[in-house]
Amino acid sequence: MSPQPDEALEVLRGVWSAQGQTSADLDAALGPQKSCKNMANVGFDGLADGDGDGDGDLRTAWRARLQREGKLNPQGGSIADLVLRSAEVR
């Protein structure tokens, strides 16, 4: 399954619209948000190289780490699957 960021964004926008939420509502609920501007040293460099499988694939390394930590759900899908499934339950 290839990632579909535009599709996921549209799903989230649809959920927010259906619930009548706006960015002003989020600002009011969460207060002013402060973002980190110094992201120079943040990343996943080394994760794929340090997982011991030697293939250098970040996705595979991430899944291997989740598996080792007991956090991998083999039936897991995409965020869109989660959102659409919860919308059908209502």
Protein backbone atom coordinates (compact mmCIF):
# COMPACT_ATOMS: atom_id res chain seq x y z
CA MET A 1 0.00 0.00 0.00
CA SER A 2 1.51 3.34 -0.97
CA PRO A 3 0.94 6.40 1.18
CA GLN A 4 -1.74 8.81 -0.03
CA PRO A 5 -1.13 12.05 1.92
CA ASP A 6 -3.60 14.08 -0.14
CA GLU A 7 -6.32 11.49 0.42
CA ALA A 8 -5.64 11.39 4.17
CA LEU A 9 -5.75 15.17 4.37
CA GLU A 10 -9.10 15.22 2.58
CA VAL A 11 -10.45 12.60 5.00
CA LEU A 12 -9.39 14.69 7.99
CA ARG A 13 -10.88 17.83 6.46
CA GLY A 14 -14.12 15.95 5.87
CA VAL A 15 -14.26 14.81 9.50
CA TRP A 16 -13.56 18.33 10.77
CA SER A 17 -16.18 19.81 8.46
CA ALA A 18 -18.77 17.21 9.41
CA GLN A 19 -18.23 18.05 13.07
CA GLY A 20 -18.37 21.77 12.33
CA GLN A 21 -14.83 22.36 13.56
CA THR A 22 -12.66 25.22 12.38
CA SER A 23 -9.09 26.23 13.07
CA ALA A 24 -10.47 28.89 15.44
CA ASP A 25 -12.16 26.12 17.46
CA LEU A 26 -8.88 24.24 17.71
CA ASP A 27 -7.05 27.40 18.81
CA ALA A 28 -9.68 28.04 21.47
CA ALA A 29 -9.56 24.46 22.75
CA LEU A 30 -5.80 24.02 22.71
CA GLY A 31 -4.59 27.56 23.32
CA PRO A 32 -1.74 29.17 21.48
CA GLN A 33 0.62 26.59 20.07
CA LYS A 34 4.35 27.05 20.10
CA SER A 35 6.31 25.15 17.51
CA CYS A 36 9.93 24.17 17.62
CA LYS A 37 11.93 26.11 15.07
CA ASN A 38 15.22 24.25 15.50
CA MET A 39 14.69 20.98 13.68
CA ALA A 40 18.24 20.68 12.33
CA ASN A 41 19.13 17.72 14.56
CA VAL A 42 15.80 15.90 14.44
CA GLY A 43 15.34 12.94 12.14
CA PHE A 44 15.45 9.21 11.71
CA ASP A 45 19.02 9.03 10.42
CA GLY A 46 20.65 5.91 11.75
CA LEU A 47 17.42 4.06 12.52
CA ALA A 48 17.54 2.05 9.31
CA ASP A 49 21.30 1.53 9.60
CA GLY A 50 21.20 0.50 13.25
CA ASP A 51 18.48 -2.12 13.17
CA GLY A 52 20.80 -4.96 12.27
CA ASP A 53 19.09 -6.04 9.05
CA GLY A 54 21.51 -4.06 6.89
CA ASP A 55 19.05 -3.15 4.15
CA GLY A 56 18.82 0.55 5.10
CA ASP A 57 15.05 0.70 4.53
CA LEU A 58 13.48 3.11 7.04
CA ARG A 59 10.00 1.58 6.81
CA THR A 60 11.33 -1.92 7.46
CA ALA A 61 13.48 -0.65 10.33
CA TRP A 62 10.53 1.14 11.91
CA ARG A 63 8.32 -1.94 11.67
CA ALA A 64 11.13 -4.09 13.14
CA ARG A 65 11.45 -1.71 16.08
CA LEU A 66 7.69 -1.72 16.72
CA GLN A 67 7.73 -5.52 16.52
CA ARG A 68 10.57 -5.77 19.06
CA GLU A 69 8.70 -3.43 21.43
CA GLY A 70 5.45 -5.38 21.06
CA LYS A 71 3.67 -2.41 19.48
CA LEU A 72 3.16 -3.67 15.93
CA ASN A 73 -0.40 -4.46 14.92
CA PRO A 74 -0.19 -6.78 11.89
CA GLN A 75 -3.81 -5.96 10.95
CA GLY A 76 -3.10 -2.23 11.06
CA GLY A 77 -4.07 -0.10 8.10
CA SER A 78 -3.84 3.54 7.21
CA ILE A 79 -5.09 6.57 9.11
CA ALA A 80 -7.84 6.88 6.50
CA ASP A 81 -8.94 3.31 7.34
CA LEU A 82 -9.15 4.23 11.01
CA VAL A 83 -11.10 7.43 10.36
CA LEU A 84 -13.51 5.91 7.85
CA ARG A 85 -14.12 2.85 10.01
CA SER A 86 -14.97 5.00 13.04
CA ALA A 87 -17.30 7.13 10.90
CA GLU A 88 -19.17 3.98 9.80
CA VAL A 89 -19.66 2.87 13.42
CA ARG A 90 -21.69 5.98 14.27
